[in-house]
Amino acid sequence: MFANWIFFTGADGAGKSTLARFAVEEYQRRGQRAVLVWSRFNNYFSKPLLGLARLTGHGYYETHDNVQFGYHDFECAPLYKYPFVLAQAVDANLATAFGWRKMQGLADLLVFERSPWDTLADVILDTGCAALAHNVFGRWMTAQVRSRGKVFCVSRSQPAILSTRPAMRHDRKLARKIEIYERLARTFGWSTLNNDRPLEAVKEELRGML
């Protein structure tokens, strides 16, 4: 098992990828073997369900300004909602376990810019099941990462996100995503990085927290 894991979470455009890469570089500068890990959209058991959702109109894509946005509207569709929760829990555990085997012996530290924590946020968004933050299915979904590393929630306001990624104004669920991450950060006591500030100030704060 790895000695150290670091997780960066946050809404799309919040800046978690930038800060995760910075963390890897900082740890490498300190002489540690740090590796960046990205784990999202690992749809193994979920894939048939998502294909069916496309056929029935519960899953669809929209393209704006050459950017594609995907939506799963399962909130009022119990025949999709509950199987999707179960399938994503299985998929998240499979993806993380596979990542362990692949990375075993290659690093002293794993830095996740996407992880089962983000899967949890995505599934809450898609299904409206806020209780997943506390119930057995949410615990199962994040079983391999709970209590096994420090979590940083990168917080950025919607206007700040749109200032650097203007196409995100077409994401109809952006405000909801930000809200979900903020609630999860409070629920689990994650360290929050306010990324509305100049990037160098955020990096300096992060450097002191690593």
N, C-alpha and C. Protein backbone atom coordinates (compact mmCIF):
# COMPACT_ATOMS: atom_id res chain seq x y z
N MET A 1 0.85 -1.19 0.00
CA MET A 1 0.00 0.00 0.00
C MET A 1 0.89 1.24 0.00
N PHE A 2 0.40 2.32 -0.62
CA PHE A 2 1.21 3.51 -0.73
C PHE A 2 1.28 4.26 0.59
N ALA A 3 2.46 4.85 0.84
CA ALA A 3 2.65 5.57 2.09
C ALA A 3 1.82 6.85 2.13
N ASN A 4 1.66 7.50 1.01
CA ASN A 4 0.98 8.79 1.00
C ASN A 4 0.12 8.93 -0.25
N TRP A 5 -1.07 9.44 -0.04
CA TRP A 5 -1.96 9.82 -1.14
C TRP A 5 -2.40 11.25 -0.91
N ILE A 6 -2.54 12.01 -1.98
CA ILE A 6 -3.06 13.38 -1.92
C ILE A 6 -4.16 13.48 -2.96
N PHE A 7 -5.30 14.03 -2.57
CA PHE A 7 -6.44 14.15 -3.48
C PHE A 7 -6.79 15.61 -3.69
N PHE A 8 -6.99 16.00 -4.95
CA PHE A 8 -7.49 17.33 -5.29
C PHE A 8 -8.88 17.16 -5.88
N THR A 9 -9.86 17.85 -5.31
CA THR A 9 -11.23 17.78 -5.78
C THR A 9 -11.72 19.19 -6.11
N GLY A 10 -12.84 19.26 -6.80
CA GLY A 10 -13.41 20.56 -7.12
C GLY A 10 -14.15 20.54 -8.44
N ALA A 11 -14.98 21.53 -8.65
CA ALA A 11 -15.78 21.61 -9.87
C ALA A 11 -14.88 21.81 -11.09
N ASP A 12 -15.40 21.48 -12.26
CA ASP A 12 -14.66 21.72 -13.51
C ASP A 12 -14.29 23.19 -13.60
N GLY A 13 -13.03 23.45 -13.91
CA GLY A 13 -12.57 24.83 -14.05
C GLY A 13 -12.08 25.45 -12.76
N ALA A 14 -12.15 24.71 -11.65
CA ALA A 14 -11.73 25.27 -10.37
C ALA A 14 -10.21 25.42 -10.27
N GLY A 15 -9.48 24.61 -11.02
CA GLY A 15 -8.02 24.70 -11.01
C GLY A 15 -7.33 23.54 -10.33
N LYS A 16 -8.05 22.45 -10.12
CA LYS A 16 -7.44 21.32 -9.40
C LYS A 16 -6.33 20.66 -10.20
N SER A 17 -6.44 20.60 -11.52
CA SER A 17 -5.39 19.99 -12.34
C SER A 17 -4.09 20.79 -12.23
N THR A 18 -4.20 22.10 -12.29
CA THR A 18 -3.02 22.97 -12.17
C THR A 18 -2.35 22.77 -10.82
N LEU A 19 -3.13 22.74 -9.75
CA LEU A 19 -2.57 22.61 -8.41
C LEU A 19 -2.06 21.20 -8.15
N ALA A 20 -2.70 20.20 -8.72
CA ALA A 20 -2.21 18.82 -8.57
C ALA A 20 -0.85 18.68 -9.24
N ARG A 21 -0.71 19.24 -10.43
CA ARG A 21 0.59 19.18 -11.11
C ARG A 21 1.66 19.93 -10.31
N PHE A 22 1.28 21.04 -9.73
CA PHE A 22 2.22 21.79 -8.90
C PHE A 22 2.65 20.95 -7.70
N ALA A 23 1.70 20.24 -7.08
CA ALA A 23 2.03 19.40 -5.93
C ALA A 23 3.02 18.31 -6.31
N VAL A 24 2.81 17.69 -7.48
CA VAL A 24 3.74 16.66 -7.96
C VAL A 24 5.14 17.26 -8.12
N GLU A 25 5.22 18.42 -8.76
CA GLU A 25 6.51 19.07 -8.97
C GLU A 25 7.17 19.42 -7.65
N GLU A 26 6.38 19.88 -6.68
CA GLU A 26 6.93 20.26 -5.38
C GLU A 26 7.47 19.04 -4.65
N TYR A 27 6.73 17.94 -4.66
CA TYR A 27 7.22 16.72 -4.01
C TYR A 27 8.47 16.18 -4.71
N GLN A 28 8.49 16.25 -6.04
CA GLN A 28 9.67 15.79 -6.76
C GLN A 28 10.88 16.66 -6.44
N ARG A 29 10.64 17.96 -6.27
CA ARG A 29 11.72 18.87 -5.88
C ARG A 29 12.29 18.49 -4.51
N ARG A 30 11.42 17.92 -3.66
CA ARG A 30 11.84 17.50 -2.33
C ARG A 30 12.46 16.10 -2.33
N GLY A 31 12.59 15.52 -3.51
CA GLY A 31 13.25 14.24 -3.62
C GLY A 31 12.34 13.03 -3.51
N GLN A 32 11.02 13.22 -3.56
CA GLN A 32 10.08 12.10 -3.47
C GLN A 32 9.59 11.70 -4.87
N ARG A 33 9.33 10.42 -5.02
CA ARG A 33 8.79 9.92 -6.29
C ARG A 33 7.27 10.11 -6.26
N ALA A 34 6.82 11.18 -6.87
CA ALA A 34 5.39 11.50 -6.90
C ALA A 34 4.85 11.29 -8.31
N VAL A 35 3.65 10.72 -8.39
CA VAL A 35 3.02 10.42 -9.68
C VAL A 35 1.62 11.01 -9.70
N LEU A 36 1.25 11.62 -10.83
CA LEU A 36 -0.08 12.19 -11.00
C LEU A 36 -1.05 11.11 -11.48
N VAL A 37 -2.21 11.03 -10.85
CA VAL A 37 -3.22 10.02 -11.18
C VAL A 37 -4.52 10.71 -11.54
N TRP A 38 -5.14 10.27 -12.63
CA TRP A 38 -6.44 10.80 -13.07
C TRP A 38 -7.41 9.64 -13.19
N SER A 39 -8.49 9.69 -12.44
CA SER A 39 -9.43 8.57 -12.46
C SER A 39 -10.86 9.12 -12.51
N ARG A 40 -11.45 9.07 -13.70
CA ARG A 40 -12.83 9.53 -13.87
C ARG A 40 -13.42 8.85 -15.10
N PHE A 41 -14.74 8.75 -15.13
CA PHE A 41 -15.45 8.15 -16.25
C PHE A 41 -14.98 6.72 -16.53
N ASN A 42 -14.77 5.97 -15.46
CA ASN A 42 -14.40 4.56 -15.61
C ASN A 42 -15.68 3.73 -15.65
N ASN A 43 -16.34 3.78 -16.80
CA ASN A 43 -17.66 3.16 -16.92
C ASN A 43 -17.56 1.74 -17.43
N TYR A 44 -17.32 0.81 -16.51
CA TYR A 44 -17.25 -0.60 -16.87
C TYR A 44 -18.66 -1.20 -16.81
N PHE A 45 -19.19 -1.36 -15.60
CA PHE A 45 -20.54 -1.88 -15.45
C PHE A 45 -21.59 -0.82 -15.79
N SER A 46 -21.20 0.45 -15.75
CA SER A 46 -22.17 1.52 -16.03
C SER A 46 -22.45 1.71 -17.51
N LYS A 47 -21.57 1.24 -18.36
CA LYS A 47 -21.66 1.55 -19.79
C LYS A 47 -22.98 1.12 -20.43
N PRO A 48 -23.46 -0.11 -20.21
CA PRO A 48 -24.75 -0.48 -20.83
C PRO A 48 -25.90 0.42 -20.36
N LEU A 49 -25.89 0.76 -19.08
CA LEU A 49 -26.94 1.62 -18.55
C LEU A 49 -26.89 3.01 -19.19
N LEU A 50 -25.69 3.53 -19.36
CA LEU A 50 -25.55 4.85 -19.97
C LEU A 50 -25.95 4.82 -21.44
N GLY A 51 -25.67 3.69 -22.12
CA GLY A 51 -26.11 3.55 -23.50
C GLY A 51 -27.62 3.55 -23.62
N LEU A 52 -28.29 2.86 -22.69
CA LEU A 52 -29.75 2.86 -22.68
C LEU A 52 -30.30 4.25 -22.39
N ALA A 53 -29.63 4.95 -21.48
CA ALA A 53 -30.08 6.31 -21.13
C ALA A 53 -30.01 7.24 -22.34
N ARG A 54 -29.01 7.03 -23.20
CA ARG A 54 -28.92 7.84 -24.41
C ARG A 54 -30.14 7.60 -25.30
N LEU A 55 -30.57 6.34 -25.39
CA LEU A 55 -31.70 5.99 -26.25
C LEU A 55 -33.00 6.57 -25.74
N THR A 56 -33.15 6.66 -24.42
CA THR A 56 -34.41 7.16 -23.83
C THR A 56 -34.39 8.66 -23.54
N GLY A 57 -33.27 9.32 -23.84
CA GLY A 57 -33.19 10.76 -23.63
C GLY A 57 -32.80 11.18 -22.23
N HIS A 58 -32.45 10.23 -21.37
CA HIS A 58 -32.02 10.58 -20.02
C HIS A 58 -30.53 10.90 -19.95
N GLY A 59 -29.81 10.57 -20.99
CA GLY A 59 -28.40 10.93 -21.11
C GLY A 59 -28.17 11.55 -22.48
N TYR A 60 -27.51 12.69 -22.52
CA TYR A 60 -27.36 13.38 -23.79
C TYR A 60 -26.18 14.36 -23.72
N TYR A 61 -25.78 14.83 -24.89
CA TYR A 61 -24.69 15.80 -25.01
C TYR A 61 -25.19 17.06 -25.68
N GLU A 62 -24.58 18.17 -25.30
CA GLU A 62 -24.80 19.44 -25.97
C GLU A 62 -23.44 20.03 -26.31
N THR A 63 -23.32 20.65 -27.48
CA THR A 63 -22.06 21.26 -27.88
C THR A 63 -22.26 22.76 -28.02
N HIS A 64 -21.43 23.52 -27.31
CA HIS A 64 -21.47 24.98 -27.36
C HIS A 64 -20.03 25.49 -27.45
N ASP A 65 -19.80 26.40 -28.38
CA ASP A 65 -18.45 26.98 -28.55
C ASP A 65 -17.40 25.88 -28.71
N ASN A 66 -17.76 24.82 -29.45
CA ASN A 66 -16.87 23.69 -29.72
C ASN A 66 -16.49 22.90 -28.48
N VAL A 67 -17.26 23.05 -27.42
CA VAL A 67 -17.04 22.29 -26.19
C VAL A 67 -18.27 21.41 -25.96
N GLN A 68 -18.03 20.14 -25.66
CA GLN A 68 -19.14 19.21 -25.44
C GLN A 68 -19.46 19.08 -23.96
N PHE A 69 -20.74 19.17 -23.63
CA PHE A 69 -21.21 19.02 -22.25
C PHE A 69 -22.13 17.82 -22.18
N GLY A 70 -21.85 16.93 -21.24
CA GLY A 70 -22.66 15.73 -21.07
C GLY A 70 -23.55 15.82 -19.85
N TYR A 71 -24.77 15.30 -19.97
CA TYR A 71 -25.72 15.34 -18.87
C TYR A 71 -26.37 13.98 -18.68
N HIS A 72 -26.58 13.63 -17.42
CA HIS A 72 -27.37 12.45 -17.06
C HIS A 72 -28.48 12.94 -16.14
N ASP A 73 -29.69 12.92 -16.61
CA ASP A 73 -30.83 13.39 -15.83
C ASP A 73 -31.55 12.20 -15.21
N PHE A 74 -31.02 11.73 -14.09
CA PHE A 74 -31.56 10.54 -13.43
C PHE A 74 -32.34 10.87 -12.16
N GLU A 75 -32.48 12.15 -11.84
CA GLU A 75 -33.10 12.54 -10.57
C GLU A 75 -34.51 11.97 -10.42
N CYS A 76 -35.29 12.02 -11.48
CA CYS A 76 -36.68 11.57 -11.43
C CYS A 76 -36.89 10.26 -12.19
N ALA A 77 -35.82 9.49 -12.33
CA ALA A 77 -35.90 8.23 -13.07
C ALA A 77 -35.32 7.11 -12.22
N PRO A 78 -36.10 6.56 -11.26
CA PRO A 78 -35.55 5.55 -10.35
C PRO A 78 -35.00 4.32 -11.04
N LEU A 79 -35.52 3.98 -12.24
CA LEU A 79 -35.00 2.82 -12.95
C LEU A 79 -33.56 3.04 -13.43
N TYR A 80 -33.15 4.30 -13.52
CA TYR A 80 -31.77 4.63 -13.83
C TYR A 80 -30.98 5.00 -12.57
N LYS A 81 -31.61 5.75 -11.70
CA LYS A 81 -30.93 6.33 -10.54
C LYS A 81 -30.23 5.27 -9.69
N TYR A 82 -30.97 4.29 -9.22
CA TYR A 82 -30.41 3.35 -8.25
C TYR A 82 -29.44 2.35 -8.88
N PRO A 83 -29.73 1.81 -10.08
CA PRO A 83 -28.71 0.97 -10.73
C PRO A 83 -27.43 1.75 -11.05
N PHE A 84 -27.57 3.04 -11.38
CA PHE A 84 -26.40 3.86 -11.70
C PHE A 84 -25.52 4.05 -10.46
N VAL A 85 -26.14 4.30 -9.32
CA VAL A 85 -25.39 4.44 -8.07
C VAL A 85 -24.59 3.16 -7.80
N LEU A 86 -25.25 2.02 -7.91
CA LEU A 86 -24.60 0.74 -7.65
C LEU A 86 -23.47 0.48 -8.65
N ALA A 87 -23.75 0.69 -9.93
CA ALA A 87 -22.74 0.43 -10.97
C ALA A 87 -21.53 1.35 -10.81
N GLN A 88 -21.76 2.61 -10.48
CA GLN A 88 -20.64 3.54 -10.30
C GLN A 88 -19.80 3.19 -9.07
N ALA A 89 -20.44 2.66 -8.03
CA ALA A 89 -19.70 2.22 -6.86
C ALA A 89 -18.75 1.08 -7.22
N VAL A 90 -19.25 0.13 -8.01
CA VAL A 90 -18.41 -0.98 -8.46
C VAL A 90 -17.29 -0.46 -9.36
N ASP A 91 -17.64 0.41 -10.31
CA ASP A 91 -16.65 0.92 -11.26
C ASP A 91 -15.54 1.71 -10.56
N ALA A 92 -15.91 2.54 -9.57
CA ALA A 92 -14.92 3.34 -8.86
C ALA A 92 -13.92 2.45 -8.14
N ASN A 93 -14.41 1.38 -7.53
CA ASN A 93 -13.51 0.47 -6.81
C ASN A 93 -12.62 -0.31 -7.78
N LEU A 94 -13.16 -0.73 -8.92
CA LEU A 94 -12.36 -1.42 -9.90
C LEU A 94 -11.25 -0.52 -10.45
N ALA A 95 -11.61 0.72 -10.77
CA ALA A 95 -10.64 1.65 -11.35
C ALA A 95 -9.53 1.96 -10.37
N THR A 96 -9.87 2.16 -9.11
CA THR A 96 -8.85 2.49 -8.11
C THR A 96 -7.95 1.30 -7.85
N ALA A 97 -8.52 0.11 -7.76
CA ALA A 97 -7.72 -1.09 -7.54
C ALA A 97 -6.77 -1.32 -8.71
N PHE A 98 -7.25 -1.12 -9.92
CA PHE A 98 -6.40 -1.28 -11.10
C PHE A 98 -5.26 -0.27 -11.07
N GLY A 99 -5.56 0.96 -10.65
CA GLY A 99 -4.54 1.98 -10.54
C GLY A 99 -3.47 1.61 -9.53
N TRP A 100 -3.87 1.00 -8.42
CA TRP A 100 -2.88 0.56 -7.43
C TRP A 100 -1.92 -0.44 -8.04
N ARG A 101 -2.46 -1.43 -8.73
CA ARG A 101 -1.61 -2.47 -9.32
C ARG A 101 -0.65 -1.86 -10.34
N LYS A 102 -1.16 -0.93 -11.13
CA LYS A 102 -0.35 -0.32 -12.18
C LYS A 102 0.77 0.54 -11.59
N MET A 103 0.49 1.22 -10.50
CA MET A 103 1.45 2.15 -9.92
C MET A 103 2.34 1.51 -8.85
N GLN A 104 2.01 0.28 -8.43
CA GLN A 104 2.74 -0.36 -7.34
C GLN A 104 4.24 -0.35 -7.62
N GLY A 105 5.00 0.17 -6.70
CA GLY A 105 6.44 0.18 -6.81
C GLY A 105 7.01 1.31 -7.64
N LEU A 106 6.13 2.12 -8.27
CA LEU A 106 6.62 3.19 -9.13
C LEU A 106 6.70 4.53 -8.42
N ALA A 107 6.06 4.65 -7.25
CA ALA A 107 5.99 5.95 -6.61
C ALA A 107 5.94 5.83 -5.10
N ASP A 108 6.43 6.87 -4.44
CA ASP A 108 6.29 6.99 -2.99
C ASP A 108 4.97 7.66 -2.65
N LEU A 109 4.45 8.43 -3.60
CA LEU A 109 3.28 9.25 -3.32
C LEU A 109 2.43 9.38 -4.58
N LEU A 110 1.12 9.23 -4.43
CA LEU A 110 0.18 9.42 -5.54
C LEU A 110 -0.59 10.70 -5.33
N VAL A 111 -0.65 11.52 -6.36
CA VAL A 111 -1.41 12.76 -6.32
C VAL A 111 -2.56 12.62 -7.31
N PHE A 112 -3.78 12.56 -6.79
CA PHE A 112 -4.98 12.37 -7.61
C PHE A 112 -5.57 13.72 -7.99
N GLU A 113 -5.74 13.97 -9.30
CA GLU A 113 -6.49 15.15 -9.71
C GLU A 113 -7.94 14.79 -10.03
N ARG A 114 -8.22 13.51 -10.13
CA ARG A 114 -9.58 12.97 -10.19
C ARG A 114 -9.55 11.64 -9.44
N SER A 115 -10.57 11.37 -8.67
CA SER A 115 -10.56 10.18 -7.82
C SER A 115 -11.99 9.77 -7.52
N PRO A 116 -12.19 8.69 -6.74
CA PRO A 116 -13.56 8.33 -6.34
C PRO A 116 -14.30 9.44 -5.60
N TRP A 117 -13.59 10.38 -4.98
CA TRP A 117 -14.30 11.52 -4.38
C TRP A 117 -15.05 12.31 -5.44
N ASP A 118 -14.44 12.45 -6.63
CA ASP A 118 -15.10 13.17 -7.72
C ASP A 118 -16.22 12.34 -8.33
N THR A 119 -16.03 11.00 -8.32
CA THR A 119 -17.12 10.13 -8.75
C THR A 119 -18.33 10.32 -7.85
N LEU A 120 -18.08 10.41 -6.54
CA LEU A 120 -19.17 10.65 -5.60
C LEU A 120 -19.90 11.95 -5.92
N ALA A 121 -19.15 13.01 -6.17
CA ALA A 121 -19.77 14.30 -6.50
C ALA A 121 -20.55 14.21 -7.81
N ASP A 122 -19.99 13.54 -8.82
CA ASP A 122 -20.68 13.40 -10.10
C ASP A 122 -21.99 12.64 -9.95
N VAL A 123 -21.97 11.55 -9.16
CA VAL A 123 -23.17 10.73 -9.01
C VAL A 123 -24.24 11.49 -8.22
N ILE A 124 -23.85 12.25 -7.22
CA ILE A 124 -24.81 13.09 -6.50
C ILE A 124 -25.45 14.08 -7.47
N LEU A 125 -24.63 14.67 -8.35
CA LEU A 125 -25.14 15.62 -9.34
C LEU A 125 -26.12 14.95 -10.29
N ASP A 126 -25.78 13.76 -10.78
CA ASP A 126 -26.60 13.08 -11.79
C ASP A 126 -27.90 12.52 -11.24
N THR A 127 -27.87 12.11 -9.96
CA THR A 127 -29.03 11.42 -9.39
C THR A 127 -29.83 12.26 -8.41
N GLY A 128 -29.23 13.33 -7.90
CA GLY A 128 -29.89 14.12 -6.87
C GLY A 128 -29.87 13.45 -5.50
N CYS A 129 -29.09 12.37 -5.35
CA CYS A 129 -29.04 11.63 -4.08
C CYS A 129 -27.99 12.24 -3.15
N ALA A 130 -28.35 13.33 -2.49
CA ALA A 130 -27.41 13.99 -1.58
C ALA A 130 -27.02 13.09 -0.42
N ALA A 131 -27.88 12.12 -0.08
CA ALA A 131 -27.60 11.22 1.04
C ALA A 131 -26.39 10.33 0.78
N LEU A 132 -25.91 10.26 -0.46
CA LEU A 132 -24.74 9.44 -0.76
C LEU A 132 -23.51 9.89 0.03
N ALA A 133 -23.50 11.14 0.46
CA ALA A 133 -22.38 11.62 1.27
C ALA A 133 -22.28 10.87 2.59
N HIS A 134 -23.39 10.23 3.01
CA HIS A 134 -23.41 9.59 4.33
C HIS A 134 -23.76 8.11 4.27
N ASN A 135 -24.51 7.66 3.25
CA ASN A 135 -25.06 6.31 3.32
C ASN A 135 -24.08 5.24 2.86
N VAL A 136 -24.52 3.98 2.92
CA VAL A 136 -23.63 2.85 2.68
C VAL A 136 -23.12 2.82 1.24
N PHE A 137 -23.91 3.28 0.28
CA PHE A 137 -23.48 3.24 -1.12
C PHE A 137 -22.37 4.27 -1.37
N GLY A 138 -22.52 5.45 -0.77
CA GLY A 138 -21.46 6.45 -0.89
C GLY A 138 -20.18 6.01 -0.20
N ARG A 139 -20.33 5.36 0.95
CA ARG A 139 -19.15 4.85 1.67
C ARG A 139 -18.45 3.76 0.86
N TRP A 140 -19.25 2.93 0.20
CA TRP A 140 -18.66 1.88 -0.63
C TRP A 140 -17.95 2.49 -1.84
N MET A 141 -18.56 3.50 -2.44
CA MET A 141 -17.99 4.15 -3.62
C MET A 141 -16.61 4.72 -3.32
N THR A 142 -16.41 5.20 -2.10
CA THR A 142 -15.15 5.85 -1.72
C THR A 142 -14.35 5.01 -0.72
N ALA A 143 -14.69 3.71 -0.63
CA ALA A 143 -14.10 2.86 0.42
C ALA A 143 -12.57 2.80 0.33
N GLN A 144 -12.02 2.82 -0.88
CA GLN A 144 -10.57 2.64 -1.03
C GLN A 144 -9.78 3.93 -0.86
N VAL A 145 -10.47 5.05 -0.66
CA VAL A 145 -9.75 6.32 -0.48
C VAL A 145 -10.06 6.99 0.86
N ARG A 146 -11.08 6.53 1.55
CA ARG A 146 -11.44 7.13 2.84
C ARG A 146 -10.31 6.91 3.85
N SER A 147 -9.96 7.95 4.55
CA SER A 147 -8.95 7.89 5.61
C SER A 147 -7.60 7.41 5.11
N ARG A 148 -7.32 7.61 3.83
CA ARG A 148 -6.04 7.15 3.28
C ARG A 148 -5.28 8.27 2.58
N GLY A 149 -5.52 9.49 2.96
CA GLY A 149 -4.77 10.58 2.35
C GLY A 149 -5.43 11.91 2.61
N LYS A 150 -4.69 12.97 2.38
CA LYS A 150 -5.20 14.32 2.58
C LYS A 150 -5.99 14.76 1.35
N VAL A 151 -7.11 15.41 1.59
CA VAL A 151 -7.98 15.88 0.49
C VAL A 151 -7.99 17.41 0.49
N PHE A 152 -7.69 17.98 -0.67
CA PHE A 152 -7.79 19.42 -0.88
C PHE A 152 -8.97 19.70 -1.81
N CYS A 153 -9.90 20.51 -1.36
CA CYS A 153 -11.00 20.94 -2.22
C CYS A 153 -10.65 22.31 -2.79
N VAL A 154 -10.50 22.38 -4.10
CA VAL A 154 -10.16 23.64 -4.76
C VAL A 154 -11.45 24.40 -5.01
N SER A 155 -11.60 25.51 -4.32
CA SER A 155 -12.84 26.30 -4.38
C SER A 155 -12.64 27.51 -5.28
N ARG A 156 -13.55 27.67 -6.22
CA ARG A 156 -13.49 28.84 -7.11
C ARG A 156 -14.90 29.25 -7.46
N SER A 157 -15.16 30.54 -7.41
CA SER A 157 -16.51 31.03 -7.69
C SER A 157 -16.84 30.89 -9.17
N GLN A 158 -18.13 30.89 -9.47
CA GLN A 158 -18.55 30.75 -10.86
C GLN A 158 -18.02 31.88 -11.74
N PRO A 159 -18.08 33.16 -11.31
CA PRO A 159 -17.50 34.22 -12.16
C PRO A 159 -16.02 34.02 -12.43
N ALA A 160 -15.26 33.55 -11.44
CA ALA A 160 -13.82 33.32 -11.64
C ALA A 160 -13.59 32.19 -12.63
N ILE A 161 -14.39 31.12 -12.54
CA ILE A 161 -14.26 30.02 -13.51
C ILE A 161 -14.55 30.52 -14.92
N LEU A 162 -15.60 31.31 -15.07
CA LEU A 162 -15.98 31.80 -16.40
C LEU A 162 -14.96 32.78 -16.96
N SER A 163 -14.20 33.43 -16.09
CA SER A 163 -13.20 34.40 -16.57
C SER A 163 -12.07 33.70 -17.32
N THR A 164 -11.80 32.43 -17.00
CA THR A 164 -10.73 31.71 -17.68
C THR A 164 -11.27 30.63 -18.62
N ARG A 165 -12.50 30.18 -18.38
CA ARG A 165 -13.11 29.17 -19.25
C ARG A 165 -14.52 29.63 -19.62
N PRO A 166 -14.61 30.61 -20.51
CA PRO A 166 -15.91 31.22 -20.84
C PRO A 166 -16.94 30.24 -21.37
N ALA A 167 -16.50 29.15 -22.03
CA ALA A 167 -17.45 28.18 -22.56
C ALA A 167 -18.26 27.52 -21.45
N MET A 168 -17.75 27.54 -20.22
CA MET A 168 -18.45 26.91 -19.11
C MET A 168 -19.77 27.60 -18.79
N ARG A 169 -20.01 28.77 -19.36
CA ARG A 169 -21.29 29.44 -19.12
C ARG A 169 -22.46 28.63 -19.68
N HIS A 170 -22.15 27.71 -20.58
CA HIS A 170 -23.18 26.86 -21.16
C HIS A 170 -23.48 25.63 -20.30
N ASP A 171 -22.67 25.39 -19.28
CA ASP A 171 -22.88 24.22 -18.41
C ASP A 171 -24.03 24.55 -17.45
N ARG A 172 -25.19 23.95 -17.71
CA ARG A 172 -26.38 24.27 -16.92
C ARG A 172 -26.29 23.79 -15.48
N LYS A 173 -25.32 22.92 -15.18
CA LYS A 173 -25.21 22.38 -13.83
C LYS A 173 -23.97 22.86 -13.09
N LEU A 174 -23.31 23.89 -13.62
CA LEU A 174 -22.07 24.36 -13.00
C LEU A 174 -22.29 24.84 -11.57
N ALA A 175 -23.30 25.66 -11.36
CA ALA A 175 -23.56 26.18 -10.01
C ALA A 175 -23.84 25.05 -9.04
N ARG A 176 -24.57 24.05 -9.50
CA ARG A 176 -24.88 22.90 -8.66
C ARG A 176 -23.63 22.10 -8.32
N LYS A 177 -22.72 21.95 -9.28
CA LYS A 177 -21.46 21.25 -9.03
C LYS A 177 -20.66 21.96 -7.93
N ILE A 178 -20.55 23.27 -8.04
CA ILE A 178 -19.81 24.04 -7.04
C ILE A 178 -20.43 23.83 -5.66
N GLU A 179 -21.74 23.87 -5.60
CA GLU A 179 -22.45 23.68 -4.32
C GLU A 179 -22.19 22.29 -3.73
N ILE A 180 -22.20 21.27 -4.56
CA ILE A 180 -21.97 19.90 -4.08
C ILE A 180 -20.58 19.76 -3.48
N TYR A 181 -19.58 20.28 -4.16
CA TYR A 181 -18.21 20.19 -3.63
C TYR A 181 -18.06 20.97 -2.32
N GLU A 182 -18.68 22.11 -2.24
CA GLU A 182 -18.61 22.88 -1.00
C GLU A 182 -19.23 22.11 0.16
N ARG A 183 -20.37 21.44 -0.12
CA ARG A 183 -21.03 20.66 0.94
C ARG A 183 -20.19 19.45 1.34
N LEU A 184 -19.60 18.77 0.37
CA LEU A 184 -18.76 17.63 0.67
C LEU A 184 -17.53 18.05 1.49
N ALA A 185 -16.97 19.20 1.16
CA ALA A 185 -15.80 19.70 1.91
C ALA A 185 -16.16 19.93 3.37
N ARG A 186 -17.34 20.49 3.60
CA ARG A 186 -17.78 20.71 4.99
C ARG A 186 -18.06 19.38 5.69
N THR A 187 -18.71 18.47 4.98
CA THR A 187 -19.08 17.17 5.57
C THR A 187 -17.86 16.38 6.00
N PHE A 188 -16.83 16.35 5.16
CA PHE A 188 -15.66 15.51 5.42
C PHE A 188 -14.48 16.27 6.01
N GLY A 189 -14.62 17.58 6.18
CA GLY A 189 -13.54 18.36 6.78
C GLY A 189 -12.31 18.49 5.89
N TRP A 190 -12.54 18.55 4.57
CA TRP A 190 -11.41 18.70 3.65
C TRP A 190 -10.76 20.07 3.81
N SER A 191 -9.48 20.14 3.52
CA SER A 191 -8.79 21.43 3.46
C SER A 191 -9.24 22.15 2.19
N THR A 192 -9.60 23.42 2.32
CA THR A 192 -10.12 24.18 1.18
C THR A 192 -9.09 25.20 0.72
N LEU A 193 -8.85 25.21 -0.59
CA LEU A 193 -7.96 26.19 -1.21
C LEU A 193 -8.81 27.17 -2.01
N ASN A 194 -8.80 28.42 -1.60
CA ASN A 194 -9.57 29.46 -2.28
C ASN A 194 -8.81 29.89 -3.52
N ASN A 195 -9.29 29.49 -4.69
CA ASN A 195 -8.58 29.76 -5.94
C ASN A 195 -9.14 30.97 -6.67
N ASP A 196 -9.82 31.86 -5.94
CA ASP A 196 -10.23 33.14 -6.52
C ASP A 196 -9.08 34.15 -6.45
N ARG A 197 -8.01 33.79 -5.78
CA ARG A 197 -6.85 34.66 -5.59
C ARG A 197 -5.83 34.45 -6.71
N PRO A 198 -4.80 35.29 -6.77
CA PRO A 198 -3.72 35.06 -7.74
C PRO A 198 -3.11 33.67 -7.54
N LEU A 199 -2.78 33.01 -8.64
CA LEU A 199 -2.33 31.62 -8.58
C LEU A 199 -1.09 31.46 -7.70
N GLU A 200 -0.16 32.40 -7.77
CA GLU A 200 1.06 32.28 -6.97
C GLU A 200 0.76 32.28 -5.48
N ALA A 201 -0.27 33.04 -5.07
CA ALA A 201 -0.64 33.06 -3.66
C ALA A 201 -1.23 31.71 -3.23
N VAL A 202 -2.01 31.12 -4.13
CA VAL A 202 -2.60 29.81 -3.83
C VAL A 202 -1.49 28.75 -3.77
N LYS A 203 -0.55 28.80 -4.69
CA LYS A 203 0.55 27.83 -4.69
C LYS A 203 1.39 27.96 -3.42
N GLU A 204 1.62 29.18 -2.99
CA GLU A 204 2.41 29.38 -1.79
C GLU A 204 1.70 28.80 -0.56
N GLU A 205 0.38 28.99 -0.47
CA GLU A 205 -0.37 28.40 0.62
C GLU A 205 -0.31 26.87 0.55
N LEU A 206 -0.48 26.33 -0.65
CA LEU A 206 -0.45 24.89 -0.81
C LEU A 206 0.91 24.32 -0.44
N ARG A 207 1.96 25.01 -0.83
CA ARG A 207 3.32 24.54 -0.53
C ARG A 207 3.49 24.33 0.98
N GLY A 208 2.93 25.24 1.76
CA GLY A 208 3.05 25.14 3.20
C GLY A 208 2.18 24.05 3.81
N MET A 209 1.19 23.57 3.05
CA MET A 209 0.27 22.56 3.54
C MET A 209 0.66 21.14 3.14
N LEU A 210 1.58 21.03 2.19
CA LEU A 210 1.98 19.70 1.71
C LEU A 210 2.91 19.00 2.70
